[in-house]
Amino acid sequence: QVQLVESGGGLVQAGGSLRLSCAASERPFSNYAMGWFRQATGKEREFVAAITGSGGNTYYADSVKGRFTTSRDNAKNTVYLQMNALTSEDTAVYYCAKGSASDGMDYWGKGTLVTVSS
């Protein structure tokens, strides 16, 4: 059973920054892509960002492109989401997820709440 634990959420003012972390129990960590998703109250969960196992390629939703950056430290089994220029639209529970060997995501963390005050 793979465990993913997010941290780093909290309350921040609009225009501010936060860095989320996701620690994974899976080894070798570098074998799997990782993704970030978010779900705002009353809305469906949406894709935010993803990173390949080596960290060589990253992908972003249009809504966060240029403001968010995902990275990973495979030696620490940890993936990060640096969020800058936050707006109230970014308020949500943020989840990290592990890419499956075939398609989609197969394990999810419990999420961390990010609240952006305007």
PDB file of N, CA and C in Angstrom:
ATOM      1  N   GLN A   1       0.845  -1.182   0.000  1.00  0.00           N
ATOM      2  CA  GLN A   1       0.000   0.000   0.000  1.00  0.00           C
ATOM      3  C   GLN A   1       0.881   1.233   0.000  1.00  0.00           C
ATOM      4  N   VAL A   2       0.710   2.078  -0.993  1.00  0.00           N
ATOM      5  CA  VAL A   2       1.489   3.307  -1.091  1.00  0.00           C
ATOM      6  C   VAL A   2       0.828   4.395  -0.247  1.00  0.00           C
ATOM      7  N   GLN A   3       1.617   5.083   0.504  1.00  0.00           N
ATOM      8  CA  GLN A   3       1.100   6.204   1.302  1.00  0.00           C
ATOM      9  C   GLN A   3       1.671   7.513   0.777  1.00  0.00           C
ATOM     10  N   LEU A   4       0.786   8.472   0.613  1.00  0.00           N
ATOM     11  CA  LEU A   4       1.161   9.813   0.172  1.00  0.00           C
ATOM     12  C   LEU A   4       0.666  10.797   1.220  1.00  0.00           C
ATOM     13  N   VAL A   5       1.555  11.648   1.692  1.00  0.00           N
ATOM     14  CA  VAL A   5       1.189  12.599   2.735  1.00  0.00           C
ATOM     15  C   VAL A   5       1.555  14.006   2.288  1.00  0.00           C
ATOM     16  N   GLU A   6       0.522  14.821   2.107  1.00  0.00           N
ATOM     17  CA  GLU A   6       0.733  16.217   1.726  1.00  0.00           C
ATOM     18  C   GLU A   6       0.937  17.095   2.960  1.00  0.00           C
ATOM     19  N   SER A   7       1.664  18.167   2.776  1.00  0.00           N
ATOM     20  CA  SER A   7       1.842  19.158   3.831  1.00  0.00           C
ATOM     21  C   SER A   7       2.112  20.506   3.178  1.00  0.00           C
ATOM     22  N   GLY A   8       2.020  21.556   3.998  1.00  0.00           N
ATOM     23  CA  GLY A   8       2.349  22.885   3.503  1.00  0.00           C
ATOM     24  C   GLY A   8       1.174  23.788   3.222  1.00  0.00           C
ATOM     25  N   GLY A   9      -0.024  23.261   3.333  1.00  0.00           N
ATOM     26  CA  GLY A   9      -1.187  24.105   3.117  1.00  0.00           C
ATOM     27  C   GLY A   9      -1.382  25.093   4.247  1.00  0.00           C
ATOM     28  N   GLY A  10      -2.289  26.028   4.030  1.00  0.00           N
ATOM     29  CA  GLY A  10      -2.566  27.014   5.065  1.00  0.00           C
ATOM     30  C   GLY A  10      -3.283  28.210   4.489  1.00  0.00           C
ATOM     31  N   LEU A  11      -3.306  29.261   5.281  1.00  0.00           N
ATOM     32  CA  LEU A  11      -3.964  30.509   4.897  1.00  0.00           C
ATOM     33  C   LEU A  11      -2.927  31.498   4.399  1.00  0.00           C
ATOM     34  N   VAL A  12      -3.185  32.084   3.254  1.00  0.00           N
ATOM     35  CA  VAL A  12      -2.256  33.050   2.686  1.00  0.00           C
ATOM     36  C   VAL A  12      -3.061  34.172   2.030  1.00  0.00           C
ATOM     37  N   GLN A  13      -2.502  35.343   1.994  1.00  0.00           N
ATOM     38  CA  GLN A  13      -3.177  36.458   1.349  1.00  0.00           C
ATOM     39  C   GLN A  13      -3.008  36.382  -0.167  1.00  0.00           C
ATOM     40  N   ALA A  14      -3.947  36.961  -0.846  1.00  0.00           N
ATOM     41  CA  ALA A  14      -3.850  37.014  -2.302  1.00  0.00           C
ATOM     42  C   ALA A  14      -2.534  37.661  -2.722  1.00  0.00           C
ATOM     43  N   GLY A  15      -1.903  37.076  -3.719  1.00  0.00           N
ATOM     44  CA  GLY A  15      -0.605  37.538  -4.165  1.00  0.00           C
ATOM     45  C   GLY A  15       0.553  36.831  -3.487  1.00  0.00           C
ATOM     46  N   GLY A  16       0.261  36.089  -2.464  1.00  0.00           N
ATOM     47  CA  GLY A  16       1.295  35.387  -1.720  1.00  0.00           C
ATOM     48  C   GLY A  16       1.668  34.055  -2.336  1.00  0.00           C
ATOM     49  N   SER A  17       2.520  33.333  -1.603  1.00  0.00           N
ATOM     50  CA  SER A  17       3.054  32.064  -2.084  1.00  0.00           C
ATOM     51  C   SER A  17       2.959  30.992  -1.011  1.00  0.00           C
ATOM     52  N   LEU A  18       2.896  29.769  -1.458  1.00  0.00           N
ATOM     53  CA  LEU A  18       2.976  28.603  -0.589  1.00  0.00           C
ATOM     54  C   LEU A  18       3.712  27.505  -1.335  1.00  0.00           C
ATOM     55  N   ARG A  19       4.349  26.630  -0.592  1.00  0.00           N
ATOM     56  CA  ARG A  19       4.950  25.456  -1.191  1.00  0.00           C
ATOM     57  C   ARG A  19       4.362  24.212  -0.532  1.00  0.00           C
ATOM     58  N   LEU A  20       3.758  23.389  -1.337  1.00  0.00           N
ATOM     59  CA  LEU A  20       3.226  22.123  -0.854  1.00  0.00           C
ATOM     60  C   LEU A  20       4.261  21.026  -1.067  1.00  0.00           C
ATOM     61  N   SER A  21       4.232  20.074  -0.152  1.00  0.00           N
ATOM     62  CA  SER A  21       5.093  18.904  -0.270  1.00  0.00           C
ATOM     63  C   SER A  21       4.238  17.653  -0.222  1.00  0.00           C
ATOM     64  N   CYS A  22       4.723  16.617  -0.856  1.00  0.00           N
ATOM     65  CA  CYS A  22       4.041  15.329  -0.817  1.00  0.00           C
ATOM     66  C   CYS A  22       5.115  14.257  -0.650  1.00  0.00           C
ATOM     67  N   ALA A  23       5.078  13.599   0.493  1.00  0.00           N
ATOM     68  CA  ALA A  23       6.040  12.548   0.773  1.00  0.00           C
ATOM     69  C   ALA A  23       5.408  11.196   0.452  1.00  0.00           C
ATOM     70  N   ALA A  24       6.157  10.382  -0.274  1.00  0.00           N
ATOM     71  CA  ALA A  24       5.640   9.092  -0.717  1.00  0.00           C
ATOM     72  C   ALA A  24       6.405   7.942  -0.079  1.00  0.00           C
ATOM     73  N   SER A  25       5.680   6.854   0.167  1.00  0.00           N
ATOM     74  CA  SER A  25       6.327   5.675   0.753  1.00  0.00           C
ATOM     75  C   SER A  25       6.833   4.721  -0.320  1.00  0.00           C
ATOM     76  N   GLU A  26       6.417   4.954  -1.561  1.00  0.00           N
ATOM     77  CA  GLU A  26       6.763   4.039  -2.646  1.00  0.00           C
ATOM     78  C   GLU A  26       8.233   4.154  -3.035  1.00  0.00           C
ATOM     79  N   ARG A  27       8.888   2.996  -3.188  1.00  0.00           N
ATOM     80  CA  ARG A  27      10.256   2.965  -3.681  1.00  0.00           C
ATOM     81  C   ARG A  27      10.358   1.919  -4.783  1.00  0.00           C
ATOM     82  N   PRO A  28      11.067   2.154  -5.860  1.00  0.00           N
ATOM     83  CA  PRO A  28      11.785   3.404  -6.121  1.00  0.00           C
ATOM     84  C   PRO A  28      10.848   4.496  -6.618  1.00  0.00           C
ATOM     85  N   PHE A  29      10.910   5.607  -6.004  1.00  0.00           N
ATOM     86  CA  PHE A  29      10.015   6.731  -6.271  1.00  0.00           C
ATOM     87  C   PHE A  29      10.142   7.228  -7.703  1.00  0.00           C
ATOM     88  N   SER A  30      11.335   7.157  -8.241  1.00  0.00           N
ATOM     89  CA  SER A  30      11.586   7.712  -9.563  1.00  0.00           C
ATOM     90  C   SER A  30      10.910   6.925 -10.684  1.00  0.00           C
ATOM     91  N   ASN A  31      10.341   5.778 -10.368  1.00  0.00           N
ATOM     92  CA  ASN A  31       9.671   4.976 -11.394  1.00  0.00           C
ATOM     93  C   ASN A  31       8.326   5.562 -11.808  1.00  0.00           C
ATOM     94  N   TYR A  32       7.798   6.507 -11.050  1.00  0.00           N
ATOM     95  CA  TYR A  32       6.417   6.916 -11.263  1.00  0.00           C
ATOM     96  C   TYR A  32       6.280   8.422 -11.432  1.00  0.00           C
ATOM     97  N   ALA A  33       5.394   8.766 -12.352  1.00  0.00           N
ATOM     98  CA  ALA A  33       4.986  10.153 -12.458  1.00  0.00           C
ATOM     99  C   ALA A  33       4.141  10.502 -11.239  1.00  0.00           C
ATOM    100  N   MET A  34       4.104  11.765 -10.918  1.00  0.00           N
ATOM    101  CA  MET A  34       3.295  12.249  -9.806  1.00  0.00           C
ATOM    102  C   MET A  34       2.455  13.421 -10.283  1.00  0.00           C
ATOM    103  N   GLY A  35       1.293  13.556  -9.694  1.00  0.00           N
ATOM    104  CA  GLY A  35       0.408  14.637 -10.088  1.00  0.00           C
ATOM    105  C   GLY A  35      -0.144  15.389  -8.901  1.00  0.00           C
ATOM    106  N   TRP A  36      -0.548  16.608  -9.174  1.00  0.00           N
ATOM    107  CA  TRP A  36      -1.251  17.438  -8.190  1.00  0.00           C
ATOM    108  C   TRP A  36      -2.639  17.751  -8.753  1.00  0.00           C
ATOM    109  N   PHE A  37      -3.610  17.654  -7.863  1.00  0.00           N
ATOM    110  CA  PHE A  37      -4.986  17.954  -8.214  1.00  0.00           C
ATOM    111  C   PHE A  37      -5.564  18.829  -7.102  1.00  0.00           C
ATOM    112  N   ARG A  38      -6.678  19.460  -7.384  1.00  0.00           N
ATOM    113  CA  ARG A  38      -7.319  20.261  -6.347  1.00  0.00           C
ATOM    114  C   ARG A  38      -8.829  20.183  -6.501  1.00  0.00           C
ATOM    115  N   GLN A  39      -9.483  20.400  -5.390  1.00  0.00           N
ATOM    116  CA  GLN A  39     -10.941  20.404  -5.385  1.00  0.00           C
ATOM    117  C   GLN A  39     -11.438  21.537  -4.503  1.00  0.00           C
ATOM    118  N   ALA A  40     -12.114  22.474  -5.111  1.00  0.00           N
ATOM    119  CA  ALA A  40     -12.721  23.561  -4.372  1.00  0.00           C
ATOM    120  C   ALA A  40     -14.116  23.140  -3.921  1.00  0.00           C
ATOM    121  N   THR A  41     -14.605  23.797  -2.909  1.00  0.00           N
ATOM    122  CA  THR A  41     -15.930  23.478  -2.380  1.00  0.00           C
ATOM    123  C   THR A  41     -16.987  23.617  -3.469  1.00  0.00           C
ATOM    124  N   GLY A  42     -17.767  22.570  -3.644  1.00  0.00           N
ATOM    125  CA  GLY A  42     -18.830  22.605  -4.625  1.00  0.00           C
ATOM    126  C   GLY A  42     -18.398  22.372  -6.054  1.00  0.00           C
ATOM    127  N   LYS A  43     -17.125  22.077  -6.261  1.00  0.00           N
ATOM    128  CA  LYS A  43     -16.620  21.863  -7.619  1.00  0.00           C
ATOM    129  C   LYS A  43     -16.000  20.480  -7.740  1.00  0.00           C
ATOM    130  N   GLU A  44     -15.830  20.055  -8.969  1.00  0.00           N
ATOM    131  CA  GLU A  44     -15.182  18.768  -9.199  1.00  0.00           C
ATOM    132  C   GLU A  44     -13.670  18.907  -9.047  1.00  0.00           C
ATOM    133  N   ARG A  45     -13.064  17.793  -8.748  1.00  0.00           N
ATOM    134  CA  ARG A  45     -11.611  17.774  -8.661  1.00  0.00           C
ATOM    135  C   ARG A  45     -11.018  18.055 -10.036  1.00  0.00           C
ATOM    136  N   GLU A  46      -9.951  18.853 -10.060  1.00  0.00           N
ATOM    137  CA  GLU A  46      -9.334  19.205 -11.330  1.00  0.00           C
ATOM    138  C   GLU A  46      -7.824  19.013 -11.287  1.00  0.00           C
ATOM    139  N   PHE A  47      -7.294  18.759 -12.443  1.00  0.00           N
ATOM    140  CA  PHE A  47      -5.853  18.608 -12.593  1.00  0.00           C
ATOM    141  C   PHE A  47      -5.164  19.947 -12.404  1.00  0.00           C
ATOM    142  N   VAL A  48      -4.008  19.905 -11.735  1.00  0.00           N
ATOM    143  CA  VAL A  48      -3.211  21.114 -11.527  1.00  0.00           C
ATOM    144  C   VAL A  48      -1.857  20.995 -12.226  1.00  0.00           C
ATOM    145  N   ALA A  49      -1.135  19.930 -11.911  1.00  0.00           N
ATOM    146  CA  ALA A  49       0.215  19.785 -12.455  1.00  0.00           C
ATOM    147  C   ALA A  49       0.641  18.329 -12.372  1.00  0.00           C
ATOM    148  N   ALA A  50       1.645  17.994 -13.183  1.00  0.00           N
ATOM    149  CA  ALA A  50       2.197  16.645 -13.140  1.00  0.00           C
ATOM    150  C   ALA A  50       3.670  16.710 -13.491  1.00  0.00           C
ATOM    151  N   ILE A  51       4.379  15.690 -13.055  1.00  0.00           N
ATOM    152  CA  ILE A  51       5.815  15.626 -13.312  1.00  0.00           C
ATOM    153  C   ILE A  51       6.191  14.175 -13.567  1.00  0.00           C
ATOM    154  N   THR A  52       7.044  13.956 -14.544  1.00  0.00           N
ATOM    155  CA  THR A  52       7.471  12.601 -14.853  1.00  0.00           C
ATOM    156  C   THR A  52       8.412  12.066 -13.775  1.00  0.00           C
ATOM    157  N   GLY A  53       8.677  10.781 -13.830  1.00  0.00           N
ATOM    158  CA  GLY A  53       9.469  10.143 -12.793  1.00  0.00           C
ATOM    159  C   GLY A  53      10.863  10.725 -12.628  1.00  0.00           C
ATOM    160  N   SER A  54      11.468  11.067 -13.732  1.00  0.00           N
ATOM    161  CA  SER A  54      12.815  11.638 -13.683  1.00  0.00           C
ATOM    162  C   SER A  54      12.792  13.122 -13.339  1.00  0.00           C
ATOM    163  N   GLY A  55      11.620  13.718 -13.447  1.00  0.00           N
ATOM    164  CA  GLY A  55      11.506  15.160 -13.234  1.00  0.00           C
ATOM    165  C   GLY A  55      11.814  15.966 -14.477  1.00  0.00           C
ATOM    166  N   GLY A  56      12.072  15.279 -15.574  1.00  0.00           N
ATOM    167  CA  GLY A  56      12.475  15.973 -16.787  1.00  0.00           C
ATOM    168  C   GLY A  56      11.366  16.688 -17.522  1.00  0.00           C
ATOM    169  N   ASN A  57      10.142  16.278 -17.269  1.00  0.00           N
ATOM    170  CA  ASN A  57       9.003  16.897 -17.936  1.00  0.00           C
ATOM    171  C   ASN A  57       7.924  17.252 -16.929  1.00  0.00           C
ATOM    172  N   THR A  58       7.342  18.426 -17.112  1.00  0.00           N
ATOM    173  CA  THR A  58       6.260  18.875 -16.253  1.00  0.00           C
ATOM    174  C   THR A  58       5.092  19.351 -17.115  1.00  0.00           C
ATOM    175  N   TYR A  59       3.913  19.302 -16.538  1.00  0.00           N
ATOM    176  CA  TYR A  59       2.692  19.668 -17.242  1.00  0.00           C
ATOM    177  C   TYR A  59       1.811  20.463 -16.282  1.00  0.00           C
ATOM    178  N   TYR A  60       1.123  21.441 -16.826  1.00  0.00           N
ATOM    179  CA  TYR A  60       0.321  22.321 -15.975  1.00  0.00           C
ATOM    180  C   TYR A  60      -1.040  22.613 -16.598  1.00  0.00           C
ATOM    181  N   ALA A  61      -2.000  22.806 -15.732  1.00  0.00           N
ATOM    182  CA  ALA A  61      -3.287  23.321 -16.181  1.00  0.00           C
ATOM    183  C   ALA A  61      -3.095  24.770 -16.618  1.00  0.00           C
ATOM    184  N   ASP A  62      -3.879  25.192 -17.571  1.00  0.00           N
ATOM    185  CA  ASP A  62      -3.754  26.567 -18.067  1.00  0.00           C
ATOM    186  C   ASP A  62      -3.947  27.588 -16.946  1.00  0.00           C
ATOM    187  N   SER A  63      -4.799  27.248 -16.003  1.00  0.00           N
ATOM    188  CA  SER A  63      -5.133  28.195 -14.931  1.00  0.00           C
ATOM    189  C   SER A  63      -3.975  28.467 -13.995  1.00  0.00           C
ATOM    190  N   VAL A  64      -2.959  27.608 -13.970  1.00  0.00           N
ATOM    191  CA  VAL A  64      -1.843  27.813 -13.052  1.00  0.00           C
ATOM    192  C   VAL A  64      -0.515  28.004 -13.776  1.00  0.00           C
ATOM    193  N   LYS A  65      -0.530  27.859 -15.090  1.00  0.00           N
ATOM    194  CA  LYS A  65       0.704  27.961 -15.863  1.00  0.00           C
ATOM    195  C   LYS A  65       1.343  29.332 -15.639  1.00  0.00           C
ATOM    196  N   GLY A  66       2.625  29.324 -15.366  1.00  0.00           N
ATOM    197  CA  GLY A  66       3.343  30.564 -15.119  1.00  0.00           C
ATOM    198  C   GLY A  66       3.341  30.992 -13.664  1.00  0.00           C
ATOM    199  N   ARG A  67       2.485  30.385 -12.852  1.00  0.00           N
ATOM    200  CA  ARG A  67       2.416  30.732 -11.430  1.00  0.00           C
ATOM    201  C   ARG A  67       2.845  29.573 -10.534  1.00  0.00           C
ATOM    202  N   PHE A  68       2.535  28.353 -10.943  1.00  0.00           N
ATOM    203  CA  PHE A  68       2.859  27.165 -10.146  1.00  0.00           C
ATOM    204  C   PHE A  68       4.010  26.412 -10.810  1.00  0.00           C
ATOM    205  N   THR A  69       4.814  25.787  -9.962  1.00  0.00           N
ATOM    206  CA  THR A  69       5.913  24.958 -10.451  1.00  0.00           C
ATOM    207  C   THR A  69       5.965  23.677  -9.630  1.00  0.00           C
ATOM    208  N   THR A  70       5.994  22.554 -10.319  1.00  0.00           N
ATOM    209  CA  THR A  70       6.147  21.288  -9.607  1.00  0.00           C
ATOM    210  C   THR A  70       7.556  20.759  -9.821  1.00  0.00           C
ATOM    211  N   SER A  71       8.082  20.136  -8.799  1.00  0.00           N
ATOM    212  CA  SER A  71       9.419  19.557  -8.858  1.00  0.00           C
ATOM    213  C   SER A  71       9.449  18.343  -7.951  1.00  0.00           C
ATOM    214  N   ARG A  72      10.537  17.622  -7.989  1.00  0.00           N
ATOM    215  CA  ARG A  72      10.633  16.442  -7.132  1.00  0.00           C
ATOM    216  C   ARG A  72      12.073  16.203  -6.734  1.00  0.00           C
ATOM    217  N   ASP A  73      12.212  15.565  -5.575  1.00  0.00           N
ATOM    218  CA  ASP A  73      13.513  15.138  -5.078  1.00  0.00           C
ATOM    219  C   ASP A  73      13.402  13.636  -4.856  1.00  0.00           C
ATOM    220  N   ASN A  74      13.874  12.877  -5.807  1.00  0.00           N
ATOM    221  CA  ASN A  74      13.693  11.424  -5.735  1.00  0.00           C
ATOM    222  C   ASN A  74      14.487  10.798  -4.585  1.00  0.00           C
ATOM    223  N   ALA A  75      15.539  11.434  -4.185  1.00  0.00           N
ATOM    224  CA  ALA A  75      16.309  10.923  -3.046  1.00  0.00           C
ATOM    225  C   ALA A  75      15.513  11.036  -1.750  1.00  0.00           C
ATOM    226  N   LYS A  76      14.600  11.989  -1.716  1.00  0.00           N
ATOM    227  CA  LYS A  76      13.771  12.203  -0.523  1.00  0.00           C
ATOM    228  C   LYS A  76      12.345  11.666  -0.708  1.00  0.00           C
ATOM    229  N   ASN A  77      12.080  11.044  -1.839  1.00  0.00           N
ATOM    230  CA  ASN A  77      10.731  10.519  -2.107  1.00  0.00           C
ATOM    231  C   ASN A  77       9.667  11.604  -1.946  1.00  0.00           C
ATOM    232  N   THR A  78       9.967  12.787  -2.436  1.00  0.00           N
ATOM    233  CA  THR A  78       9.080  13.927  -2.206  1.00  0.00           C
ATOM    234  C   THR A  78       8.882  14.716  -3.500  1.00  0.00           C
ATOM    235  N   VAL A  79       7.645  15.135  -3.694  1.00  0.00           N
ATOM    236  CA  VAL A  79       7.307  16.014  -4.808  1.00  0.00           C
ATOM    237  C   VAL A  79       6.777  17.319  -4.223  1.00  0.00           C
ATOM    238  N   TYR A  80       7.021  18.399  -4.934  1.00  0.00           N
ATOM    239  CA  TYR A  80       6.676  19.730  -4.443  1.00  0.00           C
ATOM    240  C   TYR A  80       5.777  20.468  -5.432  1.00  0.00           C
ATOM    241  N   LEU A  81       5.020  21.395  -4.882  1.00  0.00           N
ATOM    242  CA  LEU A  81       4.253  22.312  -5.715  1.00  0.00           C
ATOM    243  C   LEU A  81       4.458  23.712  -5.168  1.00  0.00           C
ATOM    244  N   GLN A  82       5.227  24.494  -5.878  1.00  0.00           N
ATOM    245  CA  GLN A  82       5.444  25.885  -5.509  1.00  0.00           C
ATOM    246  C   GLN A  82       4.354  26.715  -6.156  1.00  0.00           C
ATOM    247  N   MET A  83       3.630  27.444  -5.333  1.00  0.00           N
ATOM    248  CA  MET A  83       2.492  28.229  -5.814  1.00  0.00           C
ATOM    249  C   MET A  83       2.748  29.698  -5.534  1.00  0.00           C
ATOM    250  N   ASN A  84       2.796  30.486  -6.581  1.00  0.00           N
ATOM    251  CA  ASN A  84       3.029  31.925  -6.474  1.00  0.00           C
ATOM    252  C   ASN A  84       1.832  32.705  -7.007  1.00  0.00           C
ATOM    253  N   ALA A  85       1.789  33.965  -6.668  1.00  0.00           N
ATOM    254  CA  ALA A  85       0.729  34.848  -7.160  1.00  0.00           C
ATOM    255  C   ALA A  85      -0.649  34.245  -6.941  1.00  0.00           C
ATOM    256  N   LEU A  86      -0.865  33.754  -5.736  1.00  0.00           N
ATOM    257  CA  LEU A  86      -2.120  33.059  -5.442  1.00  0.00           C
ATOM    258  C   LEU A  86      -3.301  34.022  -5.451  1.00  0.00           C
ATOM    259  N   THR A  87      -4.429  33.492  -5.915  1.00  0.00           N
ATOM    260  CA  THR A  87      -5.678  34.243  -5.917  1.00  0.00           C
ATOM    261  C   THR A  87      -6.741  33.435  -5.183  1.00  0.00           C
ATOM    262  N   SER A  88      -7.858  34.069  -4.927  1.00  0.00           N
ATOM    263  CA  SER A  88      -8.939  33.371  -4.228  1.00  0.00           C
ATOM    264  C   SER A  88      -9.418  32.159  -5.034  1.00  0.00           C
ATOM    265  N   GLU A  89      -9.233  32.190  -6.333  1.00  0.00           N
ATOM    266  CA  GLU A  89      -9.630  31.066  -7.187  1.00  0.00           C
ATOM    267  C   GLU A  89      -8.782  29.815  -6.932  1.00  0.00           C
ATOM    268  N   ASP A  90      -7.661  29.987  -6.264  1.00  0.00           N
ATOM    269  CA  ASP A  90      -6.795  28.853  -5.955  1.00  0.00           C
ATOM    270  C   ASP A  90      -7.176  28.175  -4.642  1.00  0.00           C
ATOM    271  N   THR A  91      -8.132  28.723  -3.924  1.00  0.00           N
ATOM    272  CA  THR A  91      -8.576  28.114  -2.672  1.00  0.00           C
ATOM    273  C   THR A  91      -9.186  26.745  -2.949  1.00  0.00           C
ATOM    274  N   ALA A  92      -8.635  25.720  -2.307  1.00  0.00           N
ATOM    275  CA  ALA A  92      -9.083  24.351  -2.551  1.00  0.00           C
ATOM    276  C   ALA A  92      -8.318  23.409  -1.644  1.00  0.00           C
ATOM    277  N   VAL A  93      -8.764  22.176  -1.618  1.00  0.00           N
ATOM    278  CA  VAL A  93      -7.961  21.103  -1.034  1.00  0.00           C
ATOM    279  C   VAL A  93      -7.078  20.559  -2.148  1.00  0.00           C
ATOM    280  N   TYR A  94      -5.800  20.506  -1.875  1.00  0.00           N
ATOM    281  CA  TYR A  94      -4.834  20.040  -2.861  1.00  0.00           C
ATOM    282  C   TYR A  94      -4.403  18.619  -2.539  1.00  0.00           C
ATOM    283  N   TYR A  95      -4.411  17.784  -3.561  1.00  0.00           N
ATOM    284  CA  TYR A  95      -4.057  16.384  -3.415  1.00  0.00           C
ATOM    285  C   TYR A  95      -2.866  16.047  -4.299  1.00  0.00           C
ATOM    286  N   CYS A  96      -2.008  15.208  -3.801  1.00  0.00           N
ATOM    287  CA  CYS A  96      -1.014  14.626  -4.688  1.00  0.00           C
ATOM    288  C   CYS A  96      -1.447  13.200  -4.993  1.00  0.00           C
ATOM    289  N   ALA A  97      -1.006  12.716  -6.118  1.00  0.00           N
ATOM    290  CA  ALA A  97      -1.393  11.384  -6.563  1.00  0.00           C
ATOM    291  C   ALA A  97      -0.240  10.750  -7.316  1.00  0.00           C
ATOM    292  N   LYS A  98      -0.177   9.448  -7.238  1.00  0.00           N
ATOM    293  CA  LYS A  98       0.872   8.693  -7.904  1.00  0.00           C
ATOM    294  C   LYS A  98       0.350   8.153  -9.239  1.00  0.00           C
ATOM    295  N   GLY A  99       1.157   8.290 -10.265  1.00  0.00           N
ATOM    296  CA  GLY A  99       0.789   7.759 -11.555  1.00  0.00           C
ATOM    297  C   GLY A  99       0.858   6.245 -11.558  1.00  0.00           C
ATOM    298  N   SER A 100      -0.113   5.620 -12.177  1.00  0.00           N
ATOM    299  CA  SER A 100      -0.105   4.161 -12.245  1.00  0.00           C
ATOM    300  C   SER A 100       0.834   3.696 -13.346  1.00  0.00           C
ATOM    301  N   ALA A 101       1.080   2.397 -13.368  1.00  0.00           N
ATOM    302  CA  ALA A 101       1.970   1.852 -14.378  1.00  0.00           C
ATOM    303  C   ALA A 101       1.321   1.884 -15.761  1.00  0.00           C
ATOM    304  N   SER A 102      -0.010   1.910 -15.787  1.00  0.00           N
ATOM    305  CA  SER A 102      -0.696   1.887 -17.076  1.00  0.00           C
ATOM    306  C   SER A 102      -1.263   3.255 -17.446  1.00  0.00           C
ATOM    307  N   ASP A 103      -2.251   3.699 -16.722  1.00  0.00           N
ATOM    308  CA  ASP A 103      -2.906   4.952 -17.071  1.00  0.00           C
ATOM    309  C   ASP A 103      -3.579   5.515 -15.832  1.00  0.00           C
ATOM    310  N   GLY A 104      -3.597   6.808 -15.720  1.00  0.00           N
ATOM    311  CA  GLY A 104      -4.279   7.442 -14.604  1.00  0.00           C
ATOM    312  C   GLY A 104      -3.448   7.421 -13.342  1.00  0.00           C
ATOM    313  N   MET A 105      -4.123   7.712 -12.238  1.00  0.00           N
ATOM    314  CA  MET A 105      -3.480   7.790 -10.934  1.00  0.00           C
ATOM    315  C   MET A 105      -4.034   6.670 -10.071  1.00  0.00           C
ATOM    316  N   ASP A 106      -3.165   5.997  -9.311  1.00  0.00           N
ATOM    317  CA  ASP A 106      -3.654   4.846  -8.560  1.00  0.00           C
ATOM    318  C   ASP A 106      -3.631   5.034  -7.050  1.00  0.00           C
ATOM    319  N   TYR A 107      -2.906   6.004  -6.558  1.00  0.00           N
ATOM    320  CA  TYR A 107      -2.923   6.282  -5.125  1.00  0.00           C
ATOM    321  C   TYR A 107      -3.016   7.788  -4.916  1.00  0.00           C
ATOM    322  N   TRP A 108      -3.753   8.146  -3.846  1.00  0.00           N
ATOM    323  CA  TRP A 108      -4.004   9.554  -3.547  1.00  0.00           C
ATOM    324  C   TRP A 108      -3.692   9.855  -2.097  1.00  0.00           C
ATOM    325  N   GLY A 109      -3.199  11.057  -1.868  1.00  0.00           N
ATOM    326  CA  GLY A 109      -3.064  11.514  -0.500  1.00  0.00           C
ATOM    327  C   GLY A 109      -4.393  11.994   0.046  1.00  0.00           C
ATOM    328  N   LYS A 110      -4.413  12.395   1.306  1.00  0.00           N
ATOM    329  CA  LYS A 110      -5.648  12.854   1.931  1.00  0.00           C
ATOM    330  C   LYS A 110      -5.912  14.330   1.682  1.00  0.00           C
ATOM    331  N   GLY A 111      -4.923  15.025   1.181  1.00  0.00           N
ATOM    332  CA  GLY A 111      -5.108  16.417   0.817  1.00  0.00           C
ATOM    333  C   GLY A 111      -4.662  17.392   1.882  1.00  0.00           C
ATOM    334  N   THR A 112      -4.376  18.605   1.427  1.00  0.00           N
ATOM    335  CA  THR A 112      -4.029  19.698   2.322  1.00  0.00           C
ATOM    336  C   THR A 112      -4.777  20.942   1.846  1.00  0.00           C
ATOM    337  N   LEU A 113      -5.355  21.670   2.802  1.00  0.00           N
ATOM    338  CA  LEU A 113      -6.206  22.801   2.460  1.00  0.00           C
ATOM    339  C   LEU A 113      -5.382  24.065   2.240  1.00  0.00           C
ATOM    340  N   VAL A 114      -5.639  24.706   1.127  1.00  0.00           N
ATOM    341  CA  VAL A 114      -5.054  26.007   0.827  1.00  0.00           C
ATOM    342  C   VAL A 114      -6.175  27.025   0.762  1.00  0.00           C
ATOM    343  N   THR A 115      -6.069  28.052   1.575  1.00  0.00           N
ATOM    344  CA  THR A 115      -7.077  29.104   1.592  1.00  0.00           C
ATOM    345  C   THR A 115      -6.404  30.428   1.267  1.00  0.00           C
ATOM    346  N   VAL A 116      -6.882  31.079   0.237  1.00  0.00           N
ATOM    347  CA  VAL A 116      -6.321  32.358  -0.177  1.00  0.00           C
ATOM    348  C   VAL A 116      -7.342  33.446   0.143  1.00  0.00           C
ATOM    349  N   SER A 117      -6.945  34.363   0.991  1.00  0.00           N
ATOM    350  CA  SER A 117      -7.852  35.451   1.369  1.00  0.00           C
ATOM    351  C   SER A 117      -7.627  36.654   0.459  1.00  0.00           C
ATOM    352  N   SER A 118      -8.721  37.268   0.056  1.00  0.00           N
ATOM    353  CA  SER A 118      -8.622  38.418  -0.858  1.00  0.00           C
ATOM    354  C   SER A 118      -8.693  39.737  -0.105  1.00  0.00           C
TER     355      SER A 118
END
